[in-house]
Amino acid sequence: MSLAAGLRPNLGSPMKERTLFLLRHAKAVPAEAGGDDRDRVLSPRGRRQAGALAAWFRDSGLNPQRALASPAARTRETVEIVRTGFAHPAEIEFDPVLYLATWPAILERIRRVPESCLSLLVVGHNPGLHELAVSLAVMTPSKKRHALTAKFPTGALARFRVERPWRDFNRASIGLVEALSPADLDPGEAAED
């Protein structure tokens, strides 16, 4: 070993890139008069959407290490179906803070994720989830983010690359990799819109 190599300072390991998935729950049954919104379950169409998402995760080889989700019945069901496509089990937490949360509340919750987590799935509701996705994609070239800004329907998924720790990532350190609608995952879905 040369003297110069032996005197190099220890700069630590390079920052590990993280992946953030934002997923709007799949299609739910309509609210019943006098019923609790939290109790709405997935419709048959929603179960198909969630199944298509599970297949996408399985085929892509992407596997969230953790999932944070609203405790509403429709988000719980979405997570339970989607997780069947994960190659490895993910730690799942149903957090009441995420039920109909605003985008700043969702962002604050993400910033509390342990740094050891390199891949995070957040399952929630609009408008907060869509507003967060659009806000995070602001530095992404407009052509790539166009579909995301137009709408974020039930069963939509946005995948971001995050280059800083969860606790302090910002718009400059995150990039939209892809935005998928249910029609992108299941051609039959487009006919139902």
C-alpha atoms as a PDB file:
ATOM      1  CA  MET A   1       0.000   0.000   0.000  1.00  0.00           C
ATOM      2  CA  SER A   2       1.346   3.424  -0.870  1.00  0.00           C
ATOM      3  CA  LEU A   3       1.794   6.065   1.799  1.00  0.00           C
ATOM      4  CA  ALA A   4      -0.822   8.299   0.147  1.00  0.00           C
ATOM      5  CA  ALA A   5      -3.398   5.507   0.195  1.00  0.00           C
ATOM      6  CA  GLY A   6      -2.714   4.874   3.859  1.00  0.00           C
ATOM      7  CA  LEU A   7      -3.285   8.542   4.759  1.00  0.00           C
ATOM      8  CA  ARG A   8      -6.665   8.982   3.050  1.00  0.00           C
ATOM      9  CA  PRO A   9      -9.300  10.116   5.503  1.00  0.00           C
ATOM     10  CA  ASN A  10     -12.200   7.808   6.185  1.00  0.00           C
ATOM     11  CA  LEU A  11     -15.032   9.496   4.345  1.00  0.00           C
ATOM     12  CA  GLY A  12     -17.560   6.888   5.454  1.00  0.00           C
ATOM     13  CA  SER A  13     -19.763   4.872   3.208  1.00  0.00           C
ATOM     14  CA  PRO A  14     -21.513   6.623   0.357  1.00  0.00           C
ATOM     15  CA  MET A  15     -25.149   7.606   0.810  1.00  0.00           C
ATOM     16  CA  LYS A  16     -27.441   4.737  -0.070  1.00  0.00           C
ATOM     17  CA  GLU A  17     -30.167   5.639  -2.498  1.00  0.00           C
ATOM     18  CA  ARG A  18     -33.696   5.161  -1.218  1.00  0.00           C
ATOM     19  CA  THR A  19     -36.954   4.392  -2.992  1.00  0.00           C
ATOM     20  CA  LEU A  20     -40.285   5.939  -2.057  1.00  0.00           C
ATOM     21  CA  PHE A  21     -43.543   4.516  -3.407  1.00  0.00           C
ATOM     22  CA  LEU A  22     -46.724   6.568  -3.009  1.00  0.00           C
ATOM     23  CA  LEU A  23     -49.833   4.481  -3.622  1.00  0.00           C
ATOM     24  CA  ARG A  24     -53.420   5.641  -3.548  1.00  0.00           C
ATOM     25  CA  HIS A  25     -55.655   2.883  -2.209  1.00  0.00           C
ATOM     26  CA  ALA A  26     -57.522   0.833  -4.806  1.00  0.00           C
ATOM     27  CA  LYS A  27     -61.166   1.538  -5.759  1.00  0.00           C
ATOM     28  CA  ALA A  28     -63.567   1.267  -2.816  1.00  0.00           C
ATOM     29  CA  VAL A  29     -67.316   0.754  -2.622  1.00  0.00           C
ATOM     30  CA  PRO A  30     -69.331   3.972  -2.347  1.00  0.00           C
ATOM     31  CA  ALA A  31     -70.062   5.372   1.087  1.00  0.00           C
ATOM     32  CA  GLU A  32     -73.358   4.228   2.564  1.00  0.00           C
ATOM     33  CA  ALA A  33     -75.718   6.759   4.091  1.00  0.00           C
ATOM     34  CA  GLY A  34     -74.822   7.059   7.750  1.00  0.00           C
ATOM     35  CA  GLY A  35     -71.869   4.672   7.348  1.00  0.00           C
ATOM     36  CA  ASP A  36     -68.360   5.386   8.562  1.00  0.00           C
ATOM     37  CA  ASP A  37     -65.989   6.323   5.723  1.00  0.00           C
ATOM     38  CA  ARG A  38     -63.215   4.319   7.413  1.00  0.00           C
ATOM     39  CA  ASP A  39     -65.227   1.118   6.940  1.00  0.00           C
ATOM     40  CA  ARG A  40     -65.450   1.307   3.143  1.00  0.00           C
ATOM     41  CA  VAL A  41     -63.942  -1.854   1.623  1.00  0.00           C
ATOM     42  CA  LEU A  42     -62.567  -2.492  -1.838  1.00  0.00           C
ATOM     43  CA  SER A  43     -64.957  -3.023  -4.707  1.00  0.00           C
ATOM     44  CA  PRO A  44     -64.388  -5.955  -7.101  1.00  0.00           C
ATOM     45  CA  ARG A  45     -62.651  -3.446  -9.403  1.00  0.00           C
ATOM     46  CA  GLY A  46     -60.446  -2.344  -6.505  1.00  0.00           C
ATOM     47  CA  ARG A  47     -59.424  -5.921  -5.751  1.00  0.00           C
ATOM     48  CA  ARG A  48     -58.427  -6.303  -9.427  1.00  0.00           C
ATOM     49  CA  GLN A  49     -56.428  -3.054  -9.253  1.00  0.00           C
ATOM     50  CA  ALA A  50     -54.619  -4.245  -6.119  1.00  0.00           C
ATOM     51  CA  GLY A  51     -53.931  -7.611  -7.773  1.00  0.00           C
ATOM     52  CA  ALA A  52     -52.416  -5.842 -10.788  1.00  0.00           C
ATOM     53  CA  LEU A  53     -50.190  -3.834  -8.425  1.00  0.00           C
ATOM     54  CA  ALA A  54     -49.073  -7.055  -6.692  1.00  0.00           C
ATOM     55  CA  ALA A  55     -48.166  -8.506 -10.094  1.00  0.00           C
ATOM     56  CA  TRP A  56     -46.247  -5.320 -10.959  1.00  0.00           C
ATOM     57  CA  PHE A  57     -44.190  -5.565  -7.762  1.00  0.00           C
ATOM     58  CA  ARG A  58     -43.539  -9.270  -8.386  1.00  0.00           C
ATOM     59  CA  ASP A  59     -42.520  -8.691 -12.029  1.00  0.00           C
ATOM     60  CA  SER A  60     -40.391  -5.609 -11.311  1.00  0.00           C
ATOM     61  CA  GLY A  61     -38.441  -7.261  -8.508  1.00  0.00           C
ATOM     62  CA  LEU A  62     -38.968  -4.162  -6.357  1.00  0.00           C
ATOM     63  CA  ASN A  63     -39.696  -4.857  -2.725  1.00  0.00           C
ATOM     64  CA  PRO A  64     -40.507  -2.232  -0.109  1.00  0.00           C
ATOM     65  CA  GLN A  65     -38.889  -2.932   3.247  1.00  0.00           C
ATOM     66  CA  ARG A  66     -41.597  -1.006   5.088  1.00  0.00           C
ATOM     67  CA  ALA A  67     -45.139   0.050   4.389  1.00  0.00           C
ATOM     68  CA  LEU A  68     -46.987   2.865   6.125  1.00  0.00           C
ATOM     69  CA  ALA A  69     -50.717   3.003   5.544  1.00  0.00           C
ATOM     70  CA  SER A  70     -53.874   4.644   6.719  1.00  0.00           C
ATOM     71  CA  PRO A  71     -55.920   2.299   8.940  1.00  0.00           C
ATOM     72  CA  ALA A  72     -59.071   2.659   6.784  1.00  0.00           C
ATOM     73  CA  ALA A  73     -60.492  -0.658   5.551  1.00  0.00           C
ATOM     74  CA  ARG A  74     -59.781   0.174   1.882  1.00  0.00           C
ATOM     75  CA  THR A  75     -56.106   0.927   2.531  1.00  0.00           C
ATOM     76  CA  ARG A  76     -55.705  -2.170   4.717  1.00  0.00           C
ATOM     77  CA  GLU A  77     -57.168  -4.362   1.974  1.00  0.00           C
ATOM     78  CA  THR A  78     -55.004  -2.700  -0.655  1.00  0.00           C
ATOM     79  CA  VAL A  79     -51.862  -3.401   1.387  1.00  0.00           C
ATOM     80  CA  GLU A  80     -52.873  -7.007   2.097  1.00  0.00           C
ATOM     81  CA  ILE A  81     -53.332  -7.758  -1.606  1.00  0.00           C
ATOM     82  CA  VAL A  82     -50.339  -5.769  -2.872  1.00  0.00           C
ATOM     83  CA  ARG A  83     -47.958  -7.375  -0.394  1.00  0.00           C
ATOM     84  CA  THR A  84     -48.563 -10.777  -2.016  1.00  0.00           C
ATOM     85  CA  GLY A  85     -46.337  -9.501  -4.828  1.00  0.00           C
ATOM     86  CA  PHE A  86     -43.373  -8.750  -2.539  1.00  0.00           C
ATOM     87  CA  ALA A  87     -40.456 -11.171  -2.759  1.00  0.00           C
ATOM     88  CA  HIS A  88     -39.676 -10.547   0.927  1.00  0.00           C
ATOM     89  CA  PRO A  89     -42.006  -9.620   3.787  1.00  0.00           C
ATOM     90  CA  ALA A  90     -42.278  -5.917   4.538  1.00  0.00           C
ATOM     91  CA  GLU A  91     -42.775  -4.392   7.958  1.00  0.00           C
ATOM     92  CA  ILE A  92     -46.281  -2.900   7.837  1.00  0.00           C
ATOM     93  CA  GLU A  93     -47.645  -0.154  10.078  1.00  0.00           C
ATOM     94  CA  PHE A  94     -51.175   1.226   9.962  1.00  0.00           C
ATOM     95  CA  ASP A  95     -50.850   4.781  11.239  1.00  0.00           C
ATOM     96  CA  PRO A  96     -53.975   6.821  12.130  1.00  0.00           C
ATOM     97  CA  VAL A  97     -52.067   9.989  11.192  1.00  0.00           C
ATOM     98  CA  LEU A  98     -52.307   8.935   7.536  1.00  0.00           C
ATOM     99  CA  TYR A  99     -56.121   8.710   7.399  1.00  0.00           C
ATOM    100  CA  LEU A 100     -57.188  11.521   5.002  1.00  0.00           C
ATOM    101  CA  ALA A 101     -53.911  13.277   5.883  1.00  0.00           C
ATOM    102  CA  THR A 102     -52.740  16.500   4.268  1.00  0.00           C
ATOM    103  CA  TRP A 103     -49.558  16.334   2.235  1.00  0.00           C
ATOM    104  CA  PRO A 104     -47.448  18.087   4.923  1.00  0.00           C
ATOM    105  CA  ALA A 105     -48.636  15.526   7.507  1.00  0.00           C
ATOM    106  CA  ILE A 106     -47.703  12.635   5.193  1.00  0.00           C
ATOM    107  CA  LEU A 107     -44.295  14.180   4.531  1.00  0.00           C
ATOM    108  CA  GLU A 108     -43.677  14.647   8.260  1.00  0.00           C
ATOM    109  CA  ARG A 109     -44.535  10.987   8.861  1.00  0.00           C
ATOM    110  CA  ILE A 110     -42.130   9.863   6.124  1.00  0.00           C
ATOM    111  CA  ARG A 111     -39.359  11.928   7.727  1.00  0.00           C
ATOM    112  CA  ARG A 112     -39.695   9.809  10.888  1.00  0.00           C
ATOM    113  CA  VAL A 113     -38.945   6.528   9.093  1.00  0.00           C
ATOM    114  CA  PRO A 114     -35.760   4.843  10.383  1.00  0.00           C
ATOM    115  CA  GLU A 115     -32.714   5.506   8.226  1.00  0.00           C
ATOM    116  CA  SER A 116     -32.083   1.771   7.922  1.00  0.00           C
ATOM    117  CA  CYS A 117     -35.131   1.566   5.629  1.00  0.00           C
ATOM    118  CA  LEU A 118     -34.077   1.902   1.991  1.00  0.00           C
ATOM    119  CA  SER A 119     -37.464   1.281   0.381  1.00  0.00           C
ATOM    120  CA  LEU A 120     -40.752   2.676   1.678  1.00  0.00           C
ATOM    121  CA  LEU A 121     -44.348   2.251   0.496  1.00  0.00           C
ATOM    122  CA  VAL A 122     -46.935   4.799   1.684  1.00  0.00           C
ATOM    123  CA  VAL A 123     -50.597   3.929   1.067  1.00  0.00           C
ATOM    124  CA  GLY A 124     -53.139   6.658   1.605  1.00  0.00           C
ATOM    125  CA  HIS A 125     -55.863   8.905   0.291  1.00  0.00           C
ATOM    126  CA  ASN A 126     -56.397  11.870  -1.986  1.00  0.00           C
ATOM    127  CA  PRO A 127     -56.152  14.780  -2.055  1.00  0.00           C
ATOM    128  CA  GLY A 128     -53.155  14.683   0.333  1.00  0.00           C
ATOM    129  CA  LEU A 129     -51.298  11.844  -1.381  1.00  0.00           C
ATOM    130  CA  HIS A 130     -51.681  13.361  -4.852  1.00  0.00           C
ATOM    131  CA  GLU A 131     -50.610  16.796  -3.598  1.00  0.00           C
ATOM    132  CA  LEU A 132     -47.512  15.246  -1.998  1.00  0.00           C
ATOM    133  CA  ALA A 133     -46.609  13.354  -5.185  1.00  0.00           C
ATOM    134  CA  VAL A 134     -46.940  16.511  -7.293  1.00  0.00           C
ATOM    135  CA  SER A 135     -44.936  18.519  -4.763  1.00  0.00           C
ATOM    136  CA  LEU A 136     -42.109  15.964  -4.709  1.00  0.00           C
ATOM    137  CA  ALA A 137     -42.015  15.741  -8.511  1.00  0.00           C
ATOM    138  CA  VAL A 138     -41.614  19.485  -9.031  1.00  0.00           C
ATOM    139  CA  MET A 139     -37.905  19.175  -9.947  1.00  0.00           C
ATOM    140  CA  THR A 140     -38.587  16.332 -12.423  1.00  0.00           C
ATOM    141  CA  PRO A 141     -38.713  17.323 -16.115  1.00  0.00           C
ATOM    142  CA  SER A 142     -42.270  18.329 -17.022  1.00  0.00           C
ATOM    143  CA  LYS A 143     -42.734  15.649 -19.698  1.00  0.00           C
ATOM    144  CA  LYS A 144     -42.098  12.918 -17.132  1.00  0.00           C
ATOM    145  CA  ARG A 145     -44.336  14.390 -14.453  1.00  0.00           C
ATOM    146  CA  HIS A 146     -47.214  15.345 -16.762  1.00  0.00           C
ATOM    147  CA  ALA A 147     -49.321  12.210 -16.139  1.00  0.00           C
ATOM    148  CA  LEU A 148     -48.812  12.553 -12.403  1.00  0.00           C
ATOM    149  CA  THR A 149     -49.934  16.172 -12.278  1.00  0.00           C
ATOM    150  CA  ALA A 150     -53.060  15.507 -14.345  1.00  0.00           C
ATOM    151  CA  LYS A 151     -54.624  13.059 -11.888  1.00  0.00           C
ATOM    152  CA  PHE A 152     -53.881  10.356  -9.330  1.00  0.00           C
ATOM    153  CA  PRO A 153     -56.779   7.884  -9.525  1.00  0.00           C
ATOM    154  CA  THR A 154     -57.479   5.026  -7.151  1.00  0.00           C
ATOM    155  CA  GLY A 155     -54.783   2.391  -7.579  1.00  0.00           C
ATOM    156  CA  ALA A 156     -52.211   4.889  -8.907  1.00  0.00           C
ATOM    157  CA  LEU A 157     -48.552   4.449  -7.943  1.00  0.00           C
ATOM    158  CA  ALA A 158     -45.668   6.928  -8.061  1.00  0.00           C
ATOM    159  CA  ARG A 159     -42.079   5.760  -7.564  1.00  0.00           C
ATOM    160  CA  PHE A 160     -39.386   8.217  -6.497  1.00  0.00           C
ATOM    161  CA  ARG A 161     -35.611   7.983  -6.112  1.00  0.00           C
ATOM    162  CA  VAL A 162     -34.476   9.669  -2.880  1.00  0.00           C
ATOM    163  CA  GLU A 163     -30.840  10.725  -2.519  1.00  0.00           C
ATOM    164  CA  ARG A 164     -30.849  11.925   1.098  1.00  0.00           C
ATOM    165  CA  PRO A 165     -31.883  10.453   4.450  1.00  0.00           C
ATOM    166  CA  TRP A 166     -35.626  10.404   5.120  1.00  0.00           C
ATOM    167  CA  ARG A 167     -35.316  12.952   7.894  1.00  0.00           C
ATOM    168  CA  ASP A 168     -34.019  15.691   5.623  1.00  0.00           C
ATOM    169  CA  PHE A 169     -34.746  14.908   2.005  1.00  0.00           C
ATOM    170  CA  ASN A 170     -36.120  17.772  -0.061  1.00  0.00           C
ATOM    171  CA  ARG A 171     -37.326  18.469  -3.590  1.00  0.00           C
ATOM    172  CA  ALA A 172     -33.783  18.828  -4.899  1.00  0.00           C
ATOM    173  CA  SER A 173     -32.851  15.362  -3.620  1.00  0.00           C
ATOM    174  CA  ILE A 174     -35.799  13.406  -5.002  1.00  0.00           C
ATOM    175  CA  GLY A 175     -36.751  12.472  -8.528  1.00  0.00           C
ATOM    176  CA  LEU A 176     -39.825  10.872 -10.039  1.00  0.00           C
ATOM    177  CA  VAL A 177     -38.870   7.557 -11.634  1.00  0.00           C
ATOM    178  CA  GLU A 178     -42.326   6.617 -12.886  1.00  0.00           C
ATOM    179  CA  ALA A 179     -46.014   7.234 -12.352  1.00  0.00           C
ATOM    180  CA  LEU A 180     -48.407   4.382 -13.080  1.00  0.00           C
ATOM    181  CA  SER A 181     -52.171   4.456 -13.355  1.00  0.00           C
ATOM    182  CA  PRO A 182     -54.359   1.346 -13.101  1.00  0.00           C
ATOM    183  CA  ALA A 183     -54.754   1.465 -16.901  1.00  0.00           C
ATOM    184  CA  ASP A 184     -50.946   1.174 -17.249  1.00  0.00           C
ATOM    185  CA  LEU A 185     -51.055  -2.059 -15.256  1.00  0.00           C
ATOM    186  CA  ASP A 186     -54.238  -3.582 -16.663  1.00  0.00           C
ATOM    187  CA  PRO A 187     -55.401  -2.703 -20.196  1.00  0.00           C
ATOM    188  CA  GLY A 188     -58.956  -3.693 -19.251  1.00  0.00           C
ATOM    189  CA  GLU A 189     -58.960  -0.932 -16.661  1.00  0.00           C
ATOM    190  CA  ALA A 190     -59.012   1.828 -19.291  1.00  0.00           C
ATOM    191  CA  ALA A 191     -62.377   0.595 -20.548  1.00  0.00           C
ATOM    192  CA  GLU A 192     -63.880   1.149 -17.075  1.00  0.00           C
ATOM    193  CA  ASP A 193     -62.798   4.798 -16.652  1.00  0.00           C
END
